[in-house]
C-alpha cells in the first residue's frame, strides 16, 4: 500500500506519490468542474503578452525550426558533428546546433 492520504480543507486534489516521508507531495488546487486525470498544474495569465514577449516567442520558434532543419540537412551534419566533438562547452548536439542557429539568426 502506498500510505495514507489525509485531505486538508483547502486541498481539492492530491498529486504525486505519497509513500513514507521521503517522497514529495504536491497539493494542486483546480477550478470546480475542470478536474483532469493525471497530475497537472494549471494557472491563468492575468496580463496580456507584451510586444517583446511575442517577438521573443517568434524568434525562439524560428531558431528551433532552423535547428531541426539543419540537424537533418546532409550538407551540414558531418561537419557539425565533427565540430561538436571538438568542443566541450555544450553537452548535447542539439544544444550545440541550437546555439549555432541562434548566433546566425541574431547576426553574432
N, C-alpha and C. Protein backbone atom coordinates (compact mmCIF):
# COMPACT_ATOMS: atom_id res chain seq x y z
N UNK A 1 0.84 -1.17 0.00
CA UNK A 1 0.00 0.00 0.00
C UNK A 1 0.89 1.24 0.00
N UNK A 2 0.42 2.28 -0.64
CA UNK A 2 1.22 3.48 -0.82
C UNK A 2 1.21 4.40 0.38
N UNK A 3 0.48 4.11 1.40
CA UNK A 3 0.42 5.00 2.54
C UNK A 3 -0.97 5.56 2.72
N UNK A 4 -1.11 6.52 3.56
CA UNK A 4 -2.42 7.10 3.84
C UNK A 4 -2.47 8.52 3.30
N UNK A 5 -3.63 8.89 2.81
CA UNK A 5 -3.84 10.25 2.32
C UNK A 5 -4.82 10.92 3.27
N UNK A 6 -4.39 12.04 3.83
CA UNK A 6 -5.25 12.83 4.68
C UNK A 6 -5.54 14.13 3.94
N UNK A 7 -6.80 14.38 3.64
CA UNK A 7 -7.19 15.58 2.90
C UNK A 7 -7.31 16.76 3.85
N UNK A 8 -6.71 17.85 3.45
CA UNK A 8 -6.83 19.09 4.20
C UNK A 8 -7.97 19.89 3.60
N UNK A 9 -8.50 20.81 4.33
CA UNK A 9 -9.67 21.55 3.89
C UNK A 9 -9.47 22.30 2.56
N UNK A 10 -8.38 23.06 2.36
CA UNK A 10 -8.26 23.81 1.10
C UNK A 10 -7.76 22.98 -0.08
N UNK A 11 -7.45 21.70 0.11
CA UNK A 11 -6.87 20.90 -0.97
C UNK A 11 -7.98 20.18 -1.72
N UNK A 12 -8.13 20.48 -3.01
CA UNK A 12 -9.14 19.82 -3.82
C UNK A 12 -8.65 18.48 -4.34
N UNK A 13 -7.43 18.45 -4.84
CA UNK A 13 -6.87 17.23 -5.40
C UNK A 13 -5.46 17.04 -4.88
N UNK A 14 -5.05 15.80 -4.76
CA UNK A 14 -3.68 15.50 -4.36
C UNK A 14 -2.99 14.84 -5.54
N UNK A 15 -1.73 15.17 -5.76
CA UNK A 15 -0.98 14.54 -6.84
C UNK A 15 0.40 14.19 -6.34
N UNK A 16 1.05 13.28 -7.01
CA UNK A 16 2.37 12.84 -6.61
C UNK A 16 2.28 11.57 -5.78
N UNK A 17 3.38 10.94 -5.54
CA UNK A 17 3.40 9.72 -4.76
C UNK A 17 3.49 10.05 -3.29
N UNK A 18 2.71 9.36 -2.52
CA UNK A 18 2.76 9.54 -1.08
C UNK A 18 3.16 8.18 -0.50
N UNK A 19 4.38 8.06 -0.09
CA UNK A 19 4.88 6.79 0.44
C UNK A 19 5.94 7.12 1.46
N UNK A 20 5.59 7.07 2.71
CA UNK A 20 6.53 7.43 3.74
C UNK A 20 6.78 8.93 3.76
N UNK A 21 7.89 9.33 4.31
CA UNK A 21 8.21 10.74 4.41
C UNK A 21 9.23 11.19 3.38
N UNK A 22 9.77 10.29 2.58
CA UNK A 22 10.82 10.66 1.64
C UNK A 22 10.30 11.12 0.29
N UNK A 23 9.06 10.77 -0.04
CA UNK A 23 8.51 11.14 -1.33
C UNK A 23 7.88 12.53 -1.26
N UNK A 24 7.86 13.21 -2.40
CA UNK A 24 7.28 14.55 -2.46
C UNK A 24 5.76 14.46 -2.51
N UNK A 25 5.13 15.47 -1.98
CA UNK A 25 3.68 15.58 -2.04
C UNK A 25 3.36 16.95 -2.61
N UNK A 26 2.48 16.97 -3.60
CA UNK A 26 2.11 18.22 -4.23
C UNK A 26 0.60 18.37 -4.11
N UNK A 27 0.16 19.46 -3.55
CA UNK A 27 -1.27 19.75 -3.47
C UNK A 27 -1.60 20.73 -4.57
N UNK A 28 -2.59 20.40 -5.37
CA UNK A 28 -2.95 21.22 -6.52
C UNK A 28 -4.39 21.68 -6.35
N UNK A 29 -4.62 22.94 -6.56
CA UNK A 29 -5.97 23.49 -6.47
C UNK A 29 -6.46 23.75 -7.88
N UNK A 30 -7.58 23.19 -8.22
CA UNK A 30 -8.14 23.35 -9.57
C UNK A 30 -9.53 23.93 -9.49
N UNK A 31 -9.97 24.52 -10.59
CA UNK A 31 -11.32 25.08 -10.64
C UNK A 31 -12.34 23.95 -10.57
N UNK A 32 -13.47 24.25 -10.01
CA UNK A 32 -14.53 23.26 -9.93
C UNK A 32 -14.99 22.90 -11.34
N UNK A 33 -15.10 21.64 -11.64
CA UNK A 33 -15.55 21.20 -12.95
C UNK A 33 -14.43 21.09 -13.97
N UNK A 34 -13.22 21.51 -13.65
CA UNK A 34 -12.10 21.46 -14.58
C UNK A 34 -11.09 20.40 -14.15
N UNK A 35 -11.49 19.45 -13.36
CA UNK A 35 -10.56 18.44 -12.87
C UNK A 35 -10.19 17.49 -13.99
N UNK A 36 -8.92 17.32 -14.20
CA UNK A 36 -8.42 16.42 -15.24
C UNK A 36 -7.72 15.26 -14.58
N UNK A 37 -7.69 14.15 -15.27
CA UNK A 37 -6.98 12.99 -14.74
C UNK A 37 -5.49 13.23 -14.89
N UNK A 38 -4.73 12.69 -13.95
CA UNK A 38 -3.29 12.86 -14.00
C UNK A 38 -2.86 14.08 -13.22
N UNK A 39 -1.59 14.33 -13.24
CA UNK A 39 -1.03 15.44 -12.48
C UNK A 39 -0.77 16.61 -13.41
N UNK A 40 -1.31 17.74 -13.09
CA UNK A 40 -1.08 18.93 -13.89
C UNK A 40 -1.24 20.16 -13.01
N UNK A 41 -0.45 21.15 -13.28
CA UNK A 41 -0.58 22.42 -12.59
C UNK A 41 -1.06 23.43 -13.62
N UNK A 42 -2.18 24.03 -13.38
CA UNK A 42 -2.75 24.97 -14.33
C UNK A 42 -2.89 26.33 -13.68
N UNK A 43 -2.72 27.34 -14.45
CA UNK A 43 -2.88 28.69 -13.95
C UNK A 43 -3.42 29.58 -15.05
N UNK A 44 -3.79 30.75 -14.69
CA UNK A 44 -4.30 31.71 -15.66
C UNK A 44 -3.39 32.91 -15.69
N UNK A 45 -3.09 33.38 -16.87
CA UNK A 45 -2.28 34.57 -17.02
C UNK A 45 -3.19 35.77 -16.82
N UNK A 46 -2.75 36.70 -16.01
CA UNK A 46 -3.60 37.86 -15.70
C UNK A 46 -3.28 39.06 -16.57
N UNK A 47 -2.13 39.05 -17.23
CA UNK A 47 -1.76 40.18 -18.09
C UNK A 47 -1.58 39.69 -19.52
N UNK A 48 -1.87 40.53 -20.50
CA UNK A 48 -1.68 40.10 -21.90
C UNK A 48 -0.19 40.05 -22.25
N UNK A 49 0.14 39.30 -23.29
CA UNK A 49 1.52 39.24 -23.75
C UNK A 49 1.95 40.59 -24.28
N UNK A 50 3.17 40.98 -23.91
CA UNK A 50 3.73 42.23 -24.41
C UNK A 50 4.37 42.02 -25.77
N UNK A 51 4.70 43.11 -26.42
CA UNK A 51 5.32 43.03 -27.75
C UNK A 51 6.67 42.34 -27.70
N UNK A 52 7.45 42.59 -26.64
CA UNK A 52 8.76 41.95 -26.54
C UNK A 52 8.64 40.45 -26.29
N UNK A 53 7.61 40.02 -25.53
CA UNK A 53 7.39 38.59 -25.32
C UNK A 53 6.99 37.89 -26.61
N UNK A 54 6.13 38.50 -27.38
CA UNK A 54 5.69 37.93 -28.65
C UNK A 54 6.87 37.86 -29.62
N UNK A 55 7.68 38.91 -29.66
CA UNK A 55 8.86 38.91 -30.53
C UNK A 55 9.83 37.80 -30.14
N UNK A 56 10.06 37.60 -28.84
CA UNK A 56 10.96 36.55 -28.39
C UNK A 56 10.38 35.16 -28.71
N UNK A 57 9.08 34.97 -28.55
CA UNK A 57 8.46 33.69 -28.87
C UNK A 57 8.61 33.36 -30.35
N UNK A 58 8.43 34.38 -31.20
CA UNK A 58 8.58 34.16 -32.64
C UNK A 58 10.03 33.85 -33.00
N UNK A 59 10.97 34.57 -32.39
CA UNK A 59 12.39 34.31 -32.64
C UNK A 59 12.78 32.92 -32.16
N UNK A 60 12.29 32.53 -30.99
CA UNK A 60 12.58 31.21 -30.45
C UNK A 60 12.05 30.11 -31.37
N UNK A 61 10.84 30.29 -31.88
CA UNK A 61 10.27 29.32 -32.81
C UNK A 61 11.09 29.25 -34.10
N UNK A 62 11.57 30.38 -34.56
CA UNK A 62 12.39 30.42 -35.77
C UNK A 62 13.72 29.70 -35.54
N UNK A 63 14.33 29.90 -34.38
CA UNK A 63 15.59 29.23 -34.06
C UNK A 63 15.39 27.72 -33.97
N UNK A 64 14.31 27.29 -33.33
CA UNK A 64 14.03 25.86 -33.19
C UNK A 64 13.79 25.21 -34.55
N UNK A 65 13.03 25.87 -35.41
CA UNK A 65 12.76 25.32 -36.74
C UNK A 65 14.06 25.23 -37.56
N UNK A 66 14.89 26.27 -37.49
CA UNK A 66 16.16 26.24 -38.22
C UNK A 66 17.08 25.15 -37.69
N UNK A 67 17.05 24.92 -36.38
CA UNK A 67 17.88 23.88 -35.77
C UNK A 67 17.46 22.51 -36.27
N UNK A 68 16.15 22.23 -36.28
CA UNK A 68 15.66 20.94 -36.77
C UNK A 68 16.01 20.72 -38.24
N UNK A 69 15.89 21.77 -39.03
CA UNK A 69 16.23 21.64 -40.45
C UNK A 69 17.72 21.36 -40.64
N UNK A 70 18.55 22.05 -39.88
CA UNK A 70 19.99 21.86 -40.03
C UNK A 70 20.44 20.49 -39.55
N UNK A 71 19.78 19.96 -38.52
CA UNK A 71 20.17 18.66 -37.99
C UNK A 71 19.86 17.52 -38.96
N UNK A 72 18.93 17.72 -39.90
CA UNK A 72 18.64 16.68 -40.88
C UNK A 72 19.21 16.99 -42.26
N UNK A 73 19.86 18.14 -42.41
CA UNK A 73 20.46 18.52 -43.68
C UNK A 73 21.77 17.75 -43.87
N UNK A 74 21.86 16.89 -44.88
CA UNK A 74 23.08 16.09 -45.08
C UNK A 74 24.31 16.93 -45.43
N UNK A 75 24.13 18.17 -45.89
CA UNK A 75 25.26 19.01 -46.24
C UNK A 75 26.00 19.54 -45.01
N UNK A 76 25.32 19.60 -43.85
CA UNK A 76 25.92 20.18 -42.66
C UNK A 76 26.17 19.17 -41.54
N UNK A 77 25.50 18.04 -41.56
CA UNK A 77 25.53 17.12 -40.42
C UNK A 77 26.94 16.65 -40.09
N UNK A 78 27.69 16.19 -41.07
CA UNK A 78 29.03 15.64 -40.80
C UNK A 78 29.96 16.70 -40.20
N UNK A 79 29.95 17.90 -40.76
CA UNK A 79 30.81 18.96 -40.25
C UNK A 79 30.37 19.40 -38.85
N UNK A 80 29.07 19.51 -38.64
CA UNK A 80 28.57 19.90 -37.32
C UNK A 80 28.92 18.87 -36.26
N UNK A 81 28.83 17.58 -36.61
CA UNK A 81 29.17 16.54 -35.65
C UNK A 81 30.66 16.57 -35.31
N UNK A 82 31.49 16.83 -36.30
CA UNK A 82 32.93 16.92 -36.04
C UNK A 82 33.25 18.14 -35.17
N UNK A 83 32.61 19.26 -35.45
CA UNK A 83 32.82 20.46 -34.64
C UNK A 83 32.30 20.26 -33.22
N UNK A 84 31.17 19.56 -33.08
CA UNK A 84 30.62 19.28 -31.76
C UNK A 84 31.57 18.40 -30.95
N UNK A 85 32.17 17.40 -31.60
CA UNK A 85 33.10 16.51 -30.89
C UNK A 85 34.36 17.25 -30.45
N UNK A 86 34.73 18.29 -31.18
CA UNK A 86 35.95 19.03 -30.87
C UNK A 86 35.75 20.06 -29.74
N UNK A 87 34.52 20.39 -29.42
CA UNK A 87 34.26 21.40 -28.39
C UNK A 87 33.85 20.74 -27.08
N UNK A 88 33.83 21.51 -25.99
CA UNK A 88 33.40 20.96 -24.70
C UNK A 88 32.42 21.89 -23.97
N UNK A 89 31.95 22.93 -24.62
CA UNK A 89 31.05 23.88 -23.98
C UNK A 89 29.62 23.33 -23.86
N UNK A 90 29.11 22.71 -24.93
CA UNK A 90 27.74 22.22 -24.97
C UNK A 90 27.72 20.71 -24.78
N UNK A 91 26.75 20.23 -23.98
CA UNK A 91 26.72 18.82 -23.65
C UNK A 91 25.98 17.97 -24.67
N UNK A 92 25.04 18.56 -25.39
CA UNK A 92 24.28 17.80 -26.38
C UNK A 92 24.47 18.40 -27.77
N UNK A 93 24.29 17.56 -28.77
CA UNK A 93 24.42 18.00 -30.16
C UNK A 93 23.33 19.01 -30.49
N UNK A 94 22.11 18.77 -30.01
CA UNK A 94 21.02 19.71 -30.26
C UNK A 94 21.34 21.08 -29.68
N UNK A 95 21.87 21.11 -28.47
CA UNK A 95 22.24 22.37 -27.82
C UNK A 95 23.30 23.11 -28.64
N UNK A 96 24.25 22.36 -29.15
CA UNK A 96 25.32 22.96 -29.96
C UNK A 96 24.74 23.58 -31.23
N UNK A 97 23.92 22.82 -31.95
CA UNK A 97 23.36 23.33 -33.21
C UNK A 97 22.39 24.47 -32.93
N UNK A 98 21.62 24.39 -31.83
CA UNK A 98 20.68 25.45 -31.49
C UNK A 98 21.43 26.76 -31.31
N UNK A 99 22.56 26.73 -30.61
CA UNK A 99 23.34 27.95 -30.40
C UNK A 99 23.99 28.45 -31.68
N UNK A 100 24.36 27.53 -32.58
CA UNK A 100 24.85 27.96 -33.90
C UNK A 100 23.77 28.74 -34.65
N UNK A 101 22.54 28.20 -34.63
CA UNK A 101 21.44 28.86 -35.33
C UNK A 101 21.06 30.18 -34.66
N UNK A 102 21.11 30.21 -33.33
CA UNK A 102 20.82 31.47 -32.63
C UNK A 102 21.79 32.55 -33.02
N UNK A 103 23.08 32.20 -33.06
CA UNK A 103 24.10 33.18 -33.44
C UNK A 103 23.93 33.62 -34.89
N UNK A 104 23.55 32.68 -35.74
CA UNK A 104 23.35 33.02 -37.16
C UNK A 104 22.14 33.92 -37.35
N UNK A 105 21.04 33.63 -36.67
CA UNK A 105 19.82 34.42 -36.82
C UNK A 105 19.97 35.79 -36.18
N UNK A 106 20.62 35.86 -35.02
CA UNK A 106 20.80 37.14 -34.35
C UNK A 106 21.94 37.95 -34.97
N UNK A 107 22.71 37.35 -35.84
CA UNK A 107 23.80 38.07 -36.52
C UNK A 107 25.04 38.25 -35.69
N UNK A 108 25.31 37.31 -34.81
CA UNK A 108 26.53 37.41 -33.97
C UNK A 108 27.73 36.88 -34.73
